[in-house]
Amino acid sequence: MIIPWQQLEKETLINIVESFILREGTDYGIEELSLEEKKNNLLAKIYDGSAIIFWSELHETIDIKNRNDFLK
């Protein structure tokens, strides 16, 4: 089930994003980004609709997915 970010309290949205980033671990990019930079980048994707917040009823977990990957 897709959860519209607009329906979440700001603090809840931030907590979901930070939890997702910490679960994903190291990004192994050319330049390591700070948690704040990763958070801002991911929030921008959520706000512009290219990333979605997804609740799995089966697994009872919340995740953030690329919209295009999710819709395949």
N, C-alpha and C. Protein backbone atom coordinates (compact mmCIF):
# COMPACT_ATOMS: atom_id res chain seq x y z
N MET A 1 0.85 -1.17 0.00
CA MET A 1 0.00 0.00 0.00
C MET A 1 0.90 1.24 0.00
N ILE A 2 0.66 2.13 -0.92
CA ILE A 2 1.41 3.38 -0.99
C ILE A 2 0.87 4.34 0.06
N ILE A 3 1.78 4.95 0.79
CA ILE A 3 1.40 5.93 1.82
C ILE A 3 1.74 7.33 1.29
N PRO A 4 0.76 8.17 1.05
CA PRO A 4 1.05 9.54 0.60
C PRO A 4 1.83 10.30 1.68
N TRP A 5 2.97 10.85 1.29
CA TRP A 5 3.81 11.54 2.26
C TRP A 5 3.09 12.74 2.86
N GLN A 6 2.17 13.32 2.11
CA GLN A 6 1.45 14.50 2.59
C GLN A 6 0.57 14.19 3.80
N GLN A 7 0.23 12.92 3.99
CA GLN A 7 -0.62 12.53 5.11
C GLN A 7 0.17 12.23 6.39
N LEU A 8 1.49 12.27 6.29
CA LEU A 8 2.33 11.98 7.46
C LEU A 8 2.72 13.27 8.18
N GLU A 9 2.84 13.18 9.49
CA GLU A 9 3.41 14.28 10.25
C GLU A 9 4.86 14.46 9.81
N LYS A 10 5.36 15.69 9.82
CA LYS A 10 6.73 15.98 9.38
C LYS A 10 7.75 15.10 10.12
N GLU A 11 7.61 14.99 11.43
CA GLU A 11 8.54 14.20 12.24
C GLU A 11 8.49 12.72 11.86
N THR A 12 7.31 12.22 11.57
CA THR A 12 7.17 10.82 11.16
C THR A 12 7.86 10.58 9.82
N LEU A 13 7.66 11.49 8.88
CA LEU A 13 8.31 11.38 7.58
C LEU A 13 9.83 11.37 7.73
N ILE A 14 10.36 12.28 8.53
CA ILE A 14 11.81 12.35 8.76
C ILE A 14 12.30 11.04 9.37
N ASN A 15 11.58 10.51 10.34
CA ASN A 15 11.99 9.26 10.99
C ASN A 15 11.99 8.09 10.00
N ILE A 16 11.01 8.03 9.12
CA ILE A 16 10.96 6.97 8.10
C ILE A 16 12.16 7.09 7.17
N VAL A 17 12.45 8.30 6.73
CA VAL A 17 13.57 8.53 5.81
C VAL A 17 14.90 8.17 6.48
N GLU A 18 15.11 8.63 7.71
CA GLU A 18 16.36 8.33 8.41
C GLU A 18 16.50 6.83 8.64
N SER A 19 15.43 6.17 9.02
CA SER A 19 15.46 4.72 9.23
C SER A 19 15.83 4.00 7.94
N PHE A 20 15.25 4.41 6.84
CA PHE A 20 15.56 3.80 5.54
C PHE A 20 17.03 3.98 5.20
N ILE A 21 17.55 5.18 5.37
CA ILE A 21 18.95 5.46 5.05
C ILE A 21 19.89 4.61 5.90
N LEU A 22 19.61 4.51 7.18
CA LEU A 22 20.46 3.74 8.07
C LEU A 22 20.38 2.24 7.75
N ARG A 23 19.24 1.75 7.32
CA ARG A 23 19.10 0.34 6.93
C ARG A 23 19.86 0.04 5.65
N GLU A 24 19.92 1.02 4.75
CA GLU A 24 20.57 0.80 3.46
C GLU A 24 22.09 0.73 3.58
N GLY A 25 22.66 1.30 4.63
CA GLY A 25 24.11 1.22 4.84
C GLY A 25 24.90 2.12 3.91
N THR A 26 26.12 1.72 3.64
CA THR A 26 27.05 2.50 2.83
C THR A 26 26.61 2.52 1.38
N ASP A 27 26.74 3.68 0.75
CA ASP A 27 26.33 3.79 -0.64
C ASP A 27 27.46 3.51 -1.62
N TYR A 28 28.71 3.46 -1.16
CA TYR A 28 29.89 3.16 -1.99
C TYR A 28 30.00 4.07 -3.20
N GLY A 29 29.53 5.28 -3.07
CA GLY A 29 29.66 6.25 -4.15
C GLY A 29 31.06 6.83 -4.18
N ILE A 30 31.31 7.66 -5.15
CA ILE A 30 32.62 8.30 -5.26
C ILE A 30 32.88 9.16 -4.04
N GLU A 31 31.86 9.83 -3.58
CA GLU A 31 31.98 10.70 -2.40
C GLU A 31 30.92 10.29 -1.39
N GLU A 32 31.35 10.03 -0.16
CA GLU A 32 30.42 9.65 0.90
C GLU A 32 29.61 10.89 1.31
N LEU A 33 28.31 10.74 1.37
CA LEU A 33 27.43 11.84 1.77
C LEU A 33 27.10 11.71 3.25
N SER A 34 26.86 12.84 3.88
CA SER A 34 26.45 12.84 5.28
C SER A 34 25.00 12.37 5.37
N LEU A 35 24.58 12.00 6.57
CA LEU A 35 23.19 11.60 6.79
C LEU A 35 22.26 12.73 6.37
N GLU A 36 22.61 13.95 6.70
CA GLU A 36 21.78 15.10 6.36
C GLU A 36 21.64 15.25 4.84
N GLU A 37 22.75 15.08 4.11
CA GLU A 37 22.70 15.19 2.65
C GLU A 37 21.86 14.07 2.04
N LYS A 38 22.05 12.85 2.55
CA LYS A 38 21.25 11.72 2.06
C LYS A 38 19.77 11.95 2.35
N LYS A 39 19.49 12.46 3.54
CA LYS A 39 18.11 12.73 3.94
C LYS A 39 17.48 13.77 3.01
N ASN A 40 18.19 14.85 2.76
CA ASN A 40 17.67 15.90 1.89
C ASN A 40 17.45 15.40 0.46
N ASN A 41 18.38 14.58 -0.04
CA ASN A 41 18.24 14.02 -1.39
C ASN A 41 17.02 13.11 -1.48
N LEU A 42 16.84 12.26 -0.48
CA LEU A 42 15.71 11.33 -0.50
C LEU A 42 14.38 12.07 -0.32
N LEU A 43 14.36 13.06 0.55
CA LEU A 43 13.14 13.85 0.73
C LEU A 43 12.76 14.56 -0.57
N ALA A 44 13.75 15.06 -1.30
CA ALA A 44 13.47 15.72 -2.58
C ALA A 44 12.81 14.74 -3.55
N LYS A 45 13.29 13.50 -3.56
CA LYS A 45 12.70 12.48 -4.44
C LYS A 45 11.28 12.14 -4.01
N ILE A 46 11.05 12.09 -2.71
CA ILE A 46 9.70 11.82 -2.21
C ILE A 46 8.77 12.98 -2.58
N TYR A 47 9.23 14.20 -2.37
CA TYR A 47 8.40 15.38 -2.66
C TYR A 47 8.07 15.50 -4.14
N ASP A 48 9.03 15.13 -5.03
CA ASP A 48 8.74 15.27 -6.47
C ASP A 48 8.05 14.04 -7.06
N GLY A 49 7.84 13.02 -6.23
CA GLY A 49 7.08 11.85 -6.67
C GLY A 49 7.90 10.75 -7.30
N SER A 50 9.23 10.92 -7.41
CA SER A 50 10.04 9.86 -8.02
C SER A 50 10.34 8.73 -7.04
N ALA A 51 10.08 8.94 -5.75
CA ALA A 51 10.20 7.88 -4.74
C ALA A 51 8.88 7.83 -3.96
N ILE A 52 8.50 6.63 -3.56
CA ILE A 52 7.25 6.46 -2.83
C ILE A 52 7.51 5.73 -1.51
N ILE A 53 6.63 5.98 -0.56
CA ILE A 53 6.68 5.28 0.72
C ILE A 53 5.67 4.14 0.63
N PHE A 54 6.14 2.94 0.93
CA PHE A 54 5.33 1.75 0.74
C PHE A 54 5.24 0.94 2.03
N TRP A 55 4.02 0.59 2.43
CA TRP A 55 3.78 -0.27 3.59
C TRP A 55 3.42 -1.66 3.09
N SER A 56 4.18 -2.67 3.53
CA SER A 56 3.88 -4.05 3.19
C SER A 56 3.04 -4.66 4.31
N GLU A 57 1.79 -4.94 4.01
CA GLU A 57 0.92 -5.58 5.00
C GLU A 57 1.39 -7.00 5.29
N LEU A 58 1.92 -7.67 4.27
CA LEU A 58 2.38 -9.04 4.43
C LEU A 58 3.55 -9.12 5.42
N HIS A 59 4.53 -8.23 5.23
CA HIS A 59 5.73 -8.26 6.07
C HIS A 59 5.67 -7.28 7.24
N GLU A 60 4.65 -6.43 7.24
CA GLU A 60 4.50 -5.39 8.25
C GLU A 60 5.76 -4.52 8.35
N THR A 61 6.20 -4.06 7.17
CA THR A 61 7.38 -3.21 7.09
C THR A 61 7.07 -2.00 6.22
N ILE A 62 7.85 -0.96 6.44
CA ILE A 62 7.72 0.25 5.62
C ILE A 62 9.01 0.40 4.83
N ASP A 63 8.88 0.85 3.59
CA ASP A 63 10.04 0.96 2.72
C ASP A 63 9.85 2.18 1.82
N ILE A 64 10.95 2.61 1.23
CA ILE A 64 10.90 3.69 0.25
C ILE A 64 11.43 3.11 -1.05
N LYS A 65 10.67 3.26 -2.11
CA LYS A 65 11.02 2.65 -3.39
C LYS A 65 10.99 3.68 -4.50
N ASN A 66 11.81 3.43 -5.51
CA ASN A 66 11.76 4.22 -6.73
C ASN A 66 10.41 3.96 -7.39
N ARG A 67 9.70 5.02 -7.73
CA ARG A 67 8.35 4.86 -8.29
C ARG A 67 8.37 3.97 -9.53
N ASN A 68 9.32 4.16 -10.42
CA ASN A 68 9.37 3.37 -11.65
C ASN A 68 9.59 1.89 -11.35
N ASP A 69 10.45 1.58 -10.40
CA ASP A 69 10.69 0.18 -10.04
C ASP A 69 9.45 -0.43 -9.41
N PHE A 70 8.75 0.34 -8.61
CA PHE A 70 7.56 -0.15 -7.93
C PHE A 70 6.43 -0.47 -8.91
N LEU A 71 6.29 0.35 -9.94
CA LEU A 71 5.18 0.20 -10.88
C LEU A 71 5.41 -0.87 -11.93
N LYS A 72 6.60 -1.46 -11.97
CA LYS A 72 6.89 -2.52 -12.97
C LYS A 72 6.18 -3.79 -12.64
